[in-house]
Protein backbone atom coordinates (compact mmCIF):
# COMPACT_ATOMS: atom_id res chain seq x y z
CA MET A 1 -12.29 -41.15 -1.30
CA ALA A 2 -10.75 -37.75 -0.47
CA TYR A 3 -11.79 -34.49 -1.80
CA LEU A 4 -10.16 -31.04 -2.02
CA ASN A 5 -11.70 -27.77 -3.01
CA LYS A 6 -9.00 -25.10 -2.59
CA VAL A 7 -8.02 -22.02 -4.59
CA PHE A 8 -4.99 -19.69 -4.18
CA LEU A 9 -5.20 -16.46 -6.42
CA ILE A 10 -2.95 -13.48 -6.58
CA GLY A 11 -4.30 -10.42 -8.46
CA ASN A 12 -5.66 -6.85 -8.33
CA LEU A 13 -9.12 -5.84 -7.24
CA THR A 14 -11.32 -4.96 -10.26
CA ARG A 15 -13.66 -2.72 -8.24
CA ASP A 16 -14.17 -1.39 -4.80
CA PRO A 17 -15.54 -4.08 -2.41
CA GLU A 18 -19.21 -3.94 -1.74
CA LEU A 19 -20.26 -4.58 1.85
CA ARG A 20 -23.68 -5.82 2.77
CA VAL A 21 -25.12 -7.13 6.14
CA THR A 22 -27.53 -9.90 6.43
CA PRO A 23 -30.69 -9.44 8.68
CA LYS A 24 -28.88 -11.53 11.34
CA GLY A 25 -25.93 -9.09 11.31
CA THR A 26 -23.37 -11.11 9.25
CA ALA A 27 -21.21 -9.08 6.91
CA ILE A 28 -21.01 -10.21 3.32
CA CYS A 29 -18.30 -8.35 1.10
CA GLN A 30 -18.21 -8.90 -2.80
CA PHE A 31 -15.48 -7.96 -4.98
CA GLY A 32 -13.66 -8.89 -8.30
CA LEU A 33 -10.17 -10.04 -8.62
CA ALA A 34 -8.20 -9.88 -12.06
CA VAL A 35 -5.54 -12.54 -12.27
CA ASN A 36 -3.00 -12.25 -15.26
CA ARG A 37 -1.16 -14.99 -17.09
CA GLN A 38 1.74 -14.40 -19.54
CA PHE A 39 2.53 -16.85 -22.21
CA LYS A 40 4.03 -17.37 -25.76
CA ASP A 41 1.86 -18.34 -28.63
CA GLU A 42 2.72 -20.51 -31.43
CA SER A 43 4.61 -17.78 -33.32
CA GLY A 44 6.70 -16.99 -30.11
CA ALA A 45 4.99 -13.79 -29.37
CA THR A 46 4.34 -12.93 -25.65
CA ARG A 47 0.66 -12.60 -24.91
CA ASP A 48 -1.31 -11.73 -21.90
CA GLU A 49 -4.47 -13.45 -20.74
CA THR A 50 -6.50 -12.06 -17.83
CA THR A 51 -9.18 -13.96 -15.88
CA PHE A 52 -11.79 -12.18 -13.91
CA ILE A 53 -12.97 -13.99 -10.74
CA ASP A 54 -15.84 -12.89 -8.25
CA ILE A 55 -15.07 -13.24 -4.59
CA GLU A 56 -17.25 -13.53 -1.65
CA ALA A 57 -15.98 -12.84 1.88
CA TRP A 58 -18.08 -13.46 5.04
CA GLY A 59 -17.90 -12.07 8.54
CA LYS A 60 -14.76 -10.41 9.81
CA GLN A 61 -12.90 -11.18 6.59
CA GLY A 62 -15.37 -9.25 4.61
CA GLU A 63 -15.14 -6.24 7.01
CA LEU A 64 -11.44 -6.15 6.72
CA VAL A 65 -11.46 -6.52 2.86
CA SER A 66 -14.07 -3.65 2.78
CA LYS A 67 -12.03 -1.43 5.14
CA TYR A 68 -8.61 -1.86 3.62
CA LEU A 69 -8.79 -2.75 -0.05
CA THR A 70 -9.92 -0.57 -2.99
CA LYS A 71 -10.05 -1.03 -6.82
CA GLY A 72 -6.50 -1.84 -8.01
CA SER A 73 -5.20 -3.14 -4.72
CA PRO A 74 -3.12 -6.28 -4.95
CA ALA A 75 -4.13 -9.13 -2.74
CA MET A 76 -3.66 -12.92 -2.26
CA VAL A 77 -6.93 -14.84 -1.74
CA GLU A 78 -7.25 -18.37 -0.42
CA GLY A 79 -10.75 -19.90 -0.68
CA ARG A 80 -12.93 -22.48 -2.18
CA LEU A 81 -14.99 -22.70 -5.40
CA LYS A 82 -18.78 -22.49 -5.12
CA LEU A 83 -21.27 -22.92 -7.83
CA ASP A 84 -24.51 -20.78 -7.57
CA GLN A 85 -27.46 -22.07 -9.62
CA TRP A 86 -30.71 -20.24 -10.18
CA GLU A 87 -33.55 -19.80 -12.63
CA ASP A 88 -33.75 -16.55 -14.51
CA LYS A 89 -37.15 -14.92 -13.65
CA THR A 90 -37.57 -13.18 -17.03
CA SER A 91 -36.46 -15.82 -19.42
CA GLY A 92 -37.04 -19.05 -17.23
CA GLN A 93 -33.60 -20.34 -18.20
CA LYS A 94 -31.31 -22.07 -15.75
CA ARG A 95 -28.47 -19.92 -14.85
CA SER A 96 -25.06 -20.69 -12.97
CA LYS A 97 -22.09 -18.65 -11.76
CA LEU A 98 -18.75 -20.02 -10.31
CA LYS A 99 -17.21 -17.93 -7.68
CA VAL A 100 -14.56 -18.15 -4.76
CA VAL A 101 -15.74 -17.93 -1.28
CA LEU A 102 -12.72 -16.42 0.74
CA ASP A 103 -11.17 -18.20 3.67
CA ASN A 104 -8.04 -16.15 3.93
CA VAL A 105 -6.72 -12.97 2.53
CA GLN A 106 -3.23 -11.24 2.55
CA PHE A 107 -2.97 -7.64 1.54
CA LEU A 108 0.09 -7.23 -0.79
CA SER A 109 0.66 -3.55 -0.75
CA THR A 110 2.06 -1.23 1.91
CA ARG A 111 1.80 2.54 2.48
CA GLY A 112 4.60 3.21 -0.14
CA GLY A 113 2.82 1.06 -2.75
CA ALA A 114 5.59 -1.51 -2.79
CA ALA A 115 4.51 -5.01 -2.84
CA ALA A 116 5.16 -6.89 0.36
CA GLY A 117 3.57 -9.72 2.33
CA ALA A 118 1.44 -7.68 4.54
CA GLY A 119 -1.21 -10.18 5.38
CA GLY A 120 -1.66 -10.86 9.12
CA ALA A 121 2.01 -10.10 9.93
CA GLY A 122 0.97 -6.75 11.49
CA ALA A 123 1.80 -4.38 8.61
CA SER A 124 1.21 -0.72 9.13
CA GLY A 125 -0.17 1.96 6.80
CA PRO A 126 -3.64 2.91 5.46
CA SER A 127 -4.01 -0.13 3.19
CA ALA A 128 -3.11 -2.72 5.95
CA PRO A 129 -4.85 -3.64 9.14
CA SER A 130 -3.46 -2.57 12.49
CA ASP A 131 -1.51 -4.96 14.83
CA ASP A 132 -4.66 -5.49 17.19
CA VAL A 133 -6.73 -6.88 14.21
CA ASP A 134 -6.13 -10.53 13.21
CA GLN A 135 -7.24 -10.99 9.61
CA THR A 136 -6.72 -14.76 9.62
CA SER A 137 -8.97 -17.35 10.76
CA PRO A 138 -8.07 -18.87 14.16
CA GLU A 139 -7.12 -22.00 12.74
CA ARG A 140 -4.78 -20.61 10.03
CA HIS A 141 -1.97 -18.22 10.42
CA SER A 142 0.37 -16.96 7.84
CA PRO A 143 4.02 -17.90 8.64
CA PRO A 144 6.28 -15.14 9.36
CA PRO A 145 8.00 -13.44 6.27
CA ARG A 146 11.42 -14.94 5.78
CA ALA A 147 14.35 -12.65 6.33
CA ALA A 148 16.92 -12.19 3.64
CA ALA A 149 20.16 -14.02 3.98
CA GLN A 150 22.81 -11.60 5.10
CA LYS A 151 26.54 -11.89 5.89
CA PRO A 152 27.33 -11.24 9.50
CA PRO A 153 28.76 -7.75 10.24
CA THR A 154 32.45 -7.19 10.00
CA ALA A 155 34.41 -4.13 10.71
CA GLY A 156 34.63 -3.20 6.88
CA ASN A 157 30.72 -3.36 6.31
CA MET A 158 29.45 -2.06 9.63
CA ASP A 159 27.24 0.95 9.13
CA GLU A 160 26.65 3.24 12.06
CA ASP A 161 23.40 4.72 10.77
CA VAL A 162 20.45 2.33 10.94
CA PRO A 163 17.79 3.30 8.25
CA PHE A 164 14.60 3.20 10.07
């Protein structure tokens, strides 16, 4: 039998990432993500539903999230579900919490604040990693962004000024 535990989420950080380091030196970053859903109820009115998810990022991924994302930053998270279970010390009751362990992240904002697929594509600006930092795992790399379909230049639509 085959098993699959994979989650893809796009949302905004609910708080600044908290970075801690284990005694062995491994970074652990914890943050929250708010994911919105819009739907119509029985009366036809549009309603919003927000789901808050706890995310845990380990190692280099955690360091990058801590360095480049802040509360409100849009991000796409790829990961797996993990159920933590423990016994409450004060009441003795069994407790559990479902969270996402991050495998890959894409930062979705650029310096100007416009949404873009920044990810590991070498985006620049204060909210994206520099070109020399690879934020994806070695086995996974995001595909390059698709270029918009454009007509070939003709004499009538040729623009001498290139907007860089």
